[in-house]
């Protein structure tokens, strides 16, 4: 998923997207252990998406902390 599209989402949407991506990754890992999957590149793409979401969530948290510090 594109970083710009992810940045436009709220924190709650990012959490939902993260949960969905992790579930899908578990399914693909189980499938790859049992048999050959059609698109092994999907695993790599999901890992990258999860990393992007983690990064964006951390950035948003840090921005909120900065805003709180500035208000004081």
PDB file of N, CA and C in Angstrom:
ATOM      1  N   UNK A   1       0.840  -1.176   0.000  1.00  0.00           N
ATOM      2  CA  UNK A   1       0.000   0.000   0.000  1.00  0.00           C
ATOM      3  C   UNK A   1       0.887   1.242   0.000  1.00  0.00           C
ATOM      4  N   UNK A   2       0.424   2.267  -0.648  1.00  0.00           N
ATOM      5  CA  UNK A   2       1.145   3.506  -0.814  1.00  0.00           C
ATOM      6  C   UNK A   2       1.249   4.262   0.508  1.00  0.00           C
ATOM      7  N   UNK A   3       2.397   4.866   0.783  1.00  0.00           N
ATOM      8  CA  UNK A   3       2.601   5.602   2.026  1.00  0.00           C
ATOM      9  C   UNK A   3       1.674   6.808   2.123  1.00  0.00           C
ATOM     10  N   UNK A   4       1.409   7.457   1.013  1.00  0.00           N
ATOM     11  CA  UNK A   4       0.510   8.623   1.034  1.00  0.00           C
ATOM     12  C   UNK A   4      -0.901   8.220   1.456  1.00  0.00           C
ATOM     13  N   UNK A   5      -1.349   7.093   0.960  1.00  0.00           N
ATOM     14  CA  UNK A   5      -2.680   6.615   1.339  1.00  0.00           C
ATOM     15  C   UNK A   5      -2.719   6.258   2.811  1.00  0.00           C
ATOM     16  N   UNK A   6      -1.645   5.677   3.313  1.00  0.00           N
ATOM     17  CA  UNK A   6      -1.591   5.309   4.723  1.00  0.00           C
ATOM     18  C   UNK A   6      -1.543   6.548   5.612  1.00  0.00           C
ATOM     19  N   UNK A   7      -0.812   7.575   5.196  1.00  0.00           N
ATOM     20  CA  UNK A   7      -0.717   8.797   5.990  1.00  0.00           C
ATOM     21  C   UNK A   7      -2.068   9.485   6.135  1.00  0.00           C
ATOM     22  N   UNK A   8      -2.911   9.334   5.141  1.00  0.00           N
ATOM     23  CA  UNK A   8      -4.217   9.978   5.165  1.00  0.00           C
ATOM     24  C   UNK A   8      -5.185   9.291   6.137  1.00  0.00           C
ATOM     25  N   UNK A   9      -4.861   8.092   6.543  1.00  0.00           N
ATOM     26  CA  UNK A   9      -5.751   7.340   7.434  1.00  0.00           C
ATOM     27  C   UNK A   9      -5.577   7.754   8.891  1.00  0.00           C
ATOM     28  N   UNK A  10      -6.624   7.523   9.656  1.00  0.00           N
ATOM     29  CA  UNK A  10      -6.550   7.812  11.085  1.00  0.00           C
ATOM     30  C   UNK A  10      -5.817   6.685  11.807  1.00  0.00           C
ATOM     31  N   UNK A  11      -5.505   6.921  13.070  1.00  0.00           N
ATOM     32  CA  UNK A  11      -4.791   5.927  13.862  1.00  0.00           C
ATOM     33  C   UNK A  11      -5.607   4.651  13.993  1.00  0.00           C
ATOM     34  N   UNK A  12      -6.913   4.793  14.194  1.00  0.00           N
ATOM     35  CA  UNK A  12      -7.779   3.616  14.313  1.00  0.00           C
ATOM     36  C   UNK A  12      -7.794   2.808  13.025  1.00  0.00           C
ATOM     37  N   UNK A  13      -7.849   3.491  11.887  1.00  0.00           N
ATOM     38  CA  UNK A  13      -7.813   2.795  10.598  1.00  0.00           C
ATOM     39  C   UNK A  13      -6.485   2.064  10.411  1.00  0.00           C
ATOM     40  N   UNK A  14      -5.409   2.710  10.852  1.00  0.00           N
ATOM     41  CA  UNK A  14      -4.091   2.076  10.740  1.00  0.00           C
ATOM     42  C   UNK A  14      -4.016   0.820  11.603  1.00  0.00           C
ATOM     43  N   UNK A  15      -4.596   0.876  12.794  1.00  0.00           N
ATOM     44  CA  UNK A  15      -4.598  -0.300  13.666  1.00  0.00           C
ATOM     45  C   UNK A  15      -5.370  -1.447  13.033  1.00  0.00           C
ATOM     46  N   UNK A  16      -6.515  -1.122  12.411  1.00  0.00           N
ATOM     47  CA  UNK A  16      -7.311  -2.151  11.736  1.00  0.00           C
ATOM     48  C   UNK A  16      -6.542  -2.740  10.555  1.00  0.00           C
ATOM     49  N   UNK A  17      -5.916  -1.871   9.776  1.00  0.00           N
ATOM     50  CA  UNK A  17      -5.146  -2.323   8.612  1.00  0.00           C
ATOM     51  C   UNK A  17      -3.981  -3.208   9.067  1.00  0.00           C
ATOM     52  N   UNK A  18      -3.367  -2.840  10.187  1.00  0.00           N
ATOM     53  CA  UNK A  18      -2.260  -3.622  10.737  1.00  0.00           C
ATOM     54  C   UNK A  18      -2.736  -5.009  11.138  1.00  0.00           C
ATOM     55  N   UNK A  19      -3.870  -5.081  11.819  1.00  0.00           N
ATOM     56  CA  UNK A  19      -4.396  -6.375  12.248  1.00  0.00           C
ATOM     57  C   UNK A  19      -4.719  -7.250  11.036  1.00  0.00           C
ATOM     58  N   UNK A  20      -5.325  -6.649  10.019  1.00  0.00           N
ATOM     59  CA  UNK A  20      -5.648  -7.403   8.804  1.00  0.00           C
ATOM     60  C   UNK A  20      -4.378  -7.917   8.111  1.00  0.00           C
ATOM     61  N   UNK A  21      -3.377  -7.061   8.031  1.00  0.00           N
ATOM     62  CA  UNK A  21      -2.133  -7.452   7.371  1.00  0.00           C
ATOM     63  C   UNK A  21      -1.435  -8.573   8.138  1.00  0.00           C
ATOM     64  N   UNK A  22      -1.452  -8.499   9.465  1.00  0.00           N
ATOM     65  CA  UNK A  22      -0.814  -9.547  10.262  1.00  0.00           C
ATOM     66  C   UNK A  22      -1.543 -10.877  10.118  1.00  0.00           C
ATOM     67  N   UNK A  23      -2.881 -10.844  10.072  1.00  0.00           N
ATOM     68  CA  UNK A  23      -3.655 -12.066   9.869  1.00  0.00           C
ATOM     69  C   UNK A  23      -3.337 -12.675   8.505  1.00  0.00           C
ATOM     70  N   UNK A  24      -3.293 -11.828   7.481  1.00  0.00           N
ATOM     71  CA  UNK A  24      -3.001 -12.299   6.133  1.00  0.00           C
ATOM     72  C   UNK A  24      -1.589 -12.886   6.058  1.00  0.00           C
ATOM     73  N   UNK A  25      -0.641 -12.251   6.748  1.00  0.00           N
ATOM     74  CA  UNK A  25       0.729 -12.754   6.765  1.00  0.00           C
ATOM     75  C   UNK A  25       0.796 -14.127   7.428  1.00  0.00           C
ATOM     76  N   UNK A  26       0.061 -14.320   8.506  1.00  0.00           N
ATOM     77  CA  UNK A  26       0.037 -15.626   9.168  1.00  0.00           C
ATOM     78  C   UNK A  26      -0.535 -16.692   8.239  1.00  0.00           C
ATOM     79  N   UNK A  27      -1.592 -16.341   7.510  1.00  0.00           N
ATOM     80  CA  UNK A  27      -2.184 -17.287   6.569  1.00  0.00           C
ATOM     81  C   UNK A  27      -1.188 -17.680   5.486  1.00  0.00           C
ATOM     82  N   UNK A  28      -0.513 -16.674   4.927  1.00  0.00           N
ATOM     83  CA  UNK A  28       0.448 -16.952   3.863  1.00  0.00           C
ATOM     84  C   UNK A  28       1.631 -17.770   4.375  1.00  0.00           C
ATOM     85  N   UNK A  29       2.087 -17.468   5.592  1.00  0.00           N
ATOM     86  CA  UNK A  29       3.187 -18.252   6.156  1.00  0.00           C
ATOM     87  C   UNK A  29       2.769 -19.707   6.356  1.00  0.00           C
ATOM     88  N   UNK A  30       1.549 -19.924   6.803  1.00  0.00           N
ATOM     89  CA  UNK A  30       1.057 -21.293   6.986  1.00  0.00           C
ATOM     90  C   UNK A  30       0.947 -21.999   5.637  1.00  0.00           C
ATOM     91  N   UNK A  31       0.458 -21.292   4.641  1.00  0.00           N
ATOM     92  CA  UNK A  31       0.336 -21.883   3.312  1.00  0.00           C
ATOM     93  C   UNK A  31       1.703 -22.219   2.724  1.00  0.00           C
ATOM     94  N   UNK A  32       2.669 -21.339   2.938  1.00  0.00           N
ATOM     95  CA  UNK A  32       4.000 -21.599   2.374  1.00  0.00           C
ATOM     96  C   UNK A  32       4.689 -22.762   3.082  1.00  0.00           C
ATOM     97  N   UNK A  33       4.351 -23.000   4.330  1.00  0.00           N
ATOM     98  CA  UNK A  33       4.929 -24.131   5.055  1.00  0.00           C
ATOM     99  C   UNK A  33       4.336 -25.452   4.575  1.00  0.00           C
ATOM    100  N   UNK A  34       3.075 -25.417   4.162  1.00  0.00           N
ATOM    101  CA  UNK A  34       2.392 -26.644   3.745  1.00  0.00           C
ATOM    102  C   UNK A  34       2.603 -26.951   2.272  1.00  0.00           C
ATOM    103  N   UNK A  35       2.614 -25.911   1.462  1.00  0.00           N
ATOM    104  CA  UNK A  35       2.746 -26.116   0.021  1.00  0.00           C
ATOM    105  C   UNK A  35       3.318 -24.849  -0.605  1.00  0.00           C
ATOM    106  N   UNK A  36       3.558 -24.927  -1.876  1.00  0.00           N
ATOM    107  CA  UNK A  36       4.077 -23.768  -2.595  1.00  0.00           C
ATOM    108  C   UNK A  36       2.928 -22.807  -2.866  1.00  0.00           C
ATOM    109  N   UNK A  37       3.133 -21.547  -2.510  1.00  0.00           N
ATOM    110  CA  UNK A  37       2.089 -20.550  -2.773  1.00  0.00           C
ATOM    111  C   UNK A  37       2.329 -19.929  -4.145  1.00  0.00           C
ATOM    112  N   UNK A  38       1.250 -19.398  -4.721  1.00  0.00           N
ATOM    113  CA  UNK A  38       1.322 -18.877  -6.079  1.00  0.00           C
ATOM    114  C   UNK A  38       2.171 -17.615  -6.175  1.00  0.00           C
ATOM    115  N   UNK A  39       2.028 -16.720  -5.171  1.00  0.00           N
ATOM    116  CA  UNK A  39       2.763 -15.460  -5.210  1.00  0.00           C
ATOM    117  C   UNK A  39       3.571 -15.283  -3.932  1.00  0.00           C
ATOM    118  N   UNK A  40       4.774 -15.823  -3.895  1.00  0.00           N
ATOM    119  CA  UNK A  40       5.589 -15.675  -2.690  1.00  0.00           C
ATOM    120  C   UNK A  40       5.973 -14.223  -2.401  1.00  0.00           C
ATOM    121  N   UNK A  41       5.892 -13.363  -3.401  1.00  0.00           N
ATOM    122  CA  UNK A  41       6.215 -11.954  -3.193  1.00  0.00           C
ATOM    123  C   UNK A  41       5.189 -11.257  -2.296  1.00  0.00           C
ATOM    124  N   UNK A  42       4.017 -11.857  -2.134  1.00  0.00           N
ATOM    125  CA  UNK A  42       2.990 -11.285  -1.255  1.00  0.00           C
ATOM    126  C   UNK A  42       3.481 -11.211   0.184  1.00  0.00           C
ATOM    127  N   UNK A  43       4.247 -12.190   0.605  1.00  0.00           N
ATOM    128  CA  UNK A  43       4.768 -12.204   1.969  1.00  0.00           C
ATOM    129  C   UNK A  43       5.673 -10.990   2.182  1.00  0.00           C
ATOM    130  N   UNK A  44       6.539 -10.743   1.229  1.00  0.00           N
ATOM    131  CA  UNK A  44       7.455  -9.611   1.311  1.00  0.00           C
ATOM    132  C   UNK A  44       6.680  -8.291   1.317  1.00  0.00           C
ATOM    133  N   UNK A  45       5.668  -8.183   0.471  1.00  0.00           N
ATOM    134  CA  UNK A  45       4.859  -6.965   0.395  1.00  0.00           C
ATOM    135  C   UNK A  45       4.120  -6.713   1.709  1.00  0.00           C
ATOM    136  N   UNK A  46       3.576  -7.766   2.302  1.00  0.00           N
ATOM    137  CA  UNK A  46       2.869  -7.616   3.572  1.00  0.00           C
ATOM    138  C   UNK A  46       3.809  -7.187   4.695  1.00  0.00           C
ATOM    139  N   UNK A  47       5.003  -7.743   4.709  1.00  0.00           N
ATOM    140  CA  UNK A  47       5.984  -7.347   5.722  1.00  0.00           C
ATOM    141  C   UNK A  47       6.333  -5.872   5.581  1.00  0.00           C
ATOM    142  N   UNK A  48       6.470  -5.408   4.360  1.00  0.00           N
ATOM    143  CA  UNK A  48       6.770  -3.997   4.120  1.00  0.00           C
ATOM    144  C   UNK A  48       5.599  -3.110   4.538  1.00  0.00           C
ATOM    145  N   UNK A  49       4.382  -3.542   4.248  1.00  0.00           N
ATOM    146  CA  UNK A  49       3.200  -2.779   4.637  1.00  0.00           C
ATOM    147  C   UNK A  49       3.106  -2.671   6.150  1.00  0.00           C
ATOM    148  N   UNK A  50       3.366  -3.768   6.845  1.00  0.00           N
ATOM    149  CA  UNK A  50       3.333  -3.763   8.304  1.00  0.00           C
ATOM    150  C   UNK A  50       4.389  -2.802   8.844  1.00  0.00           C
ATOM    151  N   UNK A  51       5.566  -2.810   8.265  1.00  0.00           N
ATOM    152  CA  UNK A  51       6.631  -1.909   8.703  1.00  0.00           C
ATOM    153  C   UNK A  51       6.249  -0.442   8.472  1.00  0.00           C
ATOM    154  N   UNK A  52       5.621  -0.157   7.321  1.00  0.00           N
ATOM    155  CA  UNK A  52       5.182   1.205   7.038  1.00  0.00           C
ATOM    156  C   UNK A  52       4.146   1.669   8.053  1.00  0.00           C
ATOM    157  N   UNK A  53       3.205   0.794   8.367  1.00  0.00           N
ATOM    158  CA  UNK A  53       2.155   1.143   9.317  1.00  0.00           C
ATOM    159  C   UNK A  53       2.759   1.392  10.699  1.00  0.00           C
ATOM    160  N   UNK A  54       3.690   0.538  11.116  1.00  0.00           N
ATOM    161  CA  UNK A  54       4.363   0.739  12.402  1.00  0.00           C
ATOM    162  C   UNK A  54       5.073   2.086  12.449  1.00  0.00           C
ATOM    163  N   UNK A  55       5.757   2.424  11.384  1.00  0.00           N
ATOM    164  CA  UNK A  55       6.478   3.690  11.315  1.00  0.00           C
ATOM    165  C   UNK A  55       5.518   4.868  11.402  1.00  0.00           C
ATOM    166  N   UNK A  56       4.428   4.812  10.651  1.00  0.00           N
ATOM    167  CA  UNK A  56       3.460   5.909  10.656  1.00  0.00           C
ATOM    168  C   UNK A  56       2.787   6.055  12.014  1.00  0.00           C
ATOM    169  N   UNK A  57       2.483   4.945  12.643  1.00  0.00           N
ATOM    170  CA  UNK A  57       1.855   5.016  13.969  1.00  0.00           C
ATOM    171  C   UNK A  57       2.825   5.636  14.973  1.00  0.00           C
ATOM    172  N   UNK A  58       4.097   5.287  14.893  1.00  0.00           N
ATOM    173  CA  UNK A  58       5.096   5.867  15.787  1.00  0.00           C
ATOM    174  C   UNK A  58       5.240   7.368  15.527  1.00  0.00           C
ATOM    175  N   UNK A  59       5.240   7.772  14.255  1.00  0.00           N
ATOM    176  CA  UNK A  59       5.337   9.189  13.910  1.00  0.00           C
ATOM    177  C   UNK A  59       4.146   9.969  14.453  1.00  0.00           C
ATOM    178  N   UNK A  60       2.957   9.414  14.299  1.00  0.00           N
ATOM    179  CA  UNK A  60       1.761  10.095  14.790  1.00  0.00           C
ATOM    180  C   UNK A  60       1.788  10.228  16.309  1.00  0.00           C
ATOM    181  N   UNK A  61       2.268   9.203  16.986  1.00  0.00           N
ATOM    182  CA  UNK A  61       2.371   9.254  18.442  1.00  0.00           C
ATOM    183  C   UNK A  61       3.356  10.335  18.867  1.00  0.00           C
ATOM    184  N   UNK A  62       4.484  10.413  18.186  1.00  0.00           N
ATOM    185  CA  UNK A  62       5.482  11.425  18.519  1.00  0.00           C
ATOM    186  C   UNK A  62       4.968  12.831  18.241  1.00  0.00           C
ATOM    187  N   UNK A  63       4.193  12.999  17.167  1.00  0.00           N
ATOM    188  CA  UNK A  63       3.608  14.304  16.864  1.00  0.00           C
ATOM    189  C   UNK A  63       2.635  14.731  17.963  1.00  0.00           C
ATOM    190  N   UNK A  64       1.832  13.796  18.436  1.00  0.00           N
ATOM    191  CA  UNK A  64       0.892  14.103  19.500  1.00  0.00           C
ATOM    192  C   UNK A  64       1.628  14.496  20.781  1.00  0.00           C
ATOM    193  N   UNK A  65       2.725  13.813  21.082  1.00  0.00           N
ATOM    194  CA  UNK A  65       3.520  14.143  22.264  1.00  0.00           C
ATOM    195  C   UNK A  65       4.114  15.544  22.136  1.00  0.00           C
ATOM    196  N   UNK A  66       4.584  15.876  20.945  1.00  0.00           N
ATOM    197  CA  UNK A  66       5.139  17.208  20.715  1.00  0.00           C
ATOM    198  C   UNK A  66       4.082  18.292  20.903  1.00  0.00           C
ATOM    199  N   UNK A  67       2.869  18.033  20.396  1.00  0.00           N
ATOM    200  CA  UNK A  67       1.785  19.007  20.554  1.00  0.00           C
ATOM    201  C   UNK A  67       1.426  19.193  22.008  1.00  0.00           C
ATOM    202  N   UNK A  68       1.420  18.120  22.772  1.00  0.00           N
ATOM    203  CA  UNK A  68       1.113  18.203  24.199  1.00  0.00           C
ATOM    204  C   UNK A  68       2.188  18.983  24.940  1.00  0.00           C
ATOM    205  N   UNK A  69       3.441  18.802  24.584  1.00  0.00           N
ATOM    206  CA  UNK A  69       4.532  19.527  25.225  1.00  0.00           C
ATOM    207  C   UNK A  69       4.451  21.011  24.917  1.00  0.00           C
ATOM    208  N   UNK A  70       4.066  21.351  23.695  1.00  0.00           N
ATOM    209  CA  UNK A  70       3.972  22.751  23.287  1.00  0.00           C
ATOM    210  C   UNK A  70       2.829  23.458  24.003  1.00  0.00           C
ATOM    211  N   UNK A  71       1.763  22.734  24.302  1.00  0.00           N
ATOM    212  CA  UNK A  71       0.620  23.334  24.980  1.00  0.00           C
ATOM    213  C   UNK A  71       0.958  23.701  26.424  1.00  0.00           C
ATOM    214  N   UNK A  72       1.887  22.974  27.035  1.00  0.00           N
ATOM    215  CA  UNK A  72       2.245  23.233  28.429  1.00  0.00           C
ATOM    216  C   UNK A  72       3.130  24.399  28.527  1.00  0.00           C
TER     217      UNK A  72
END
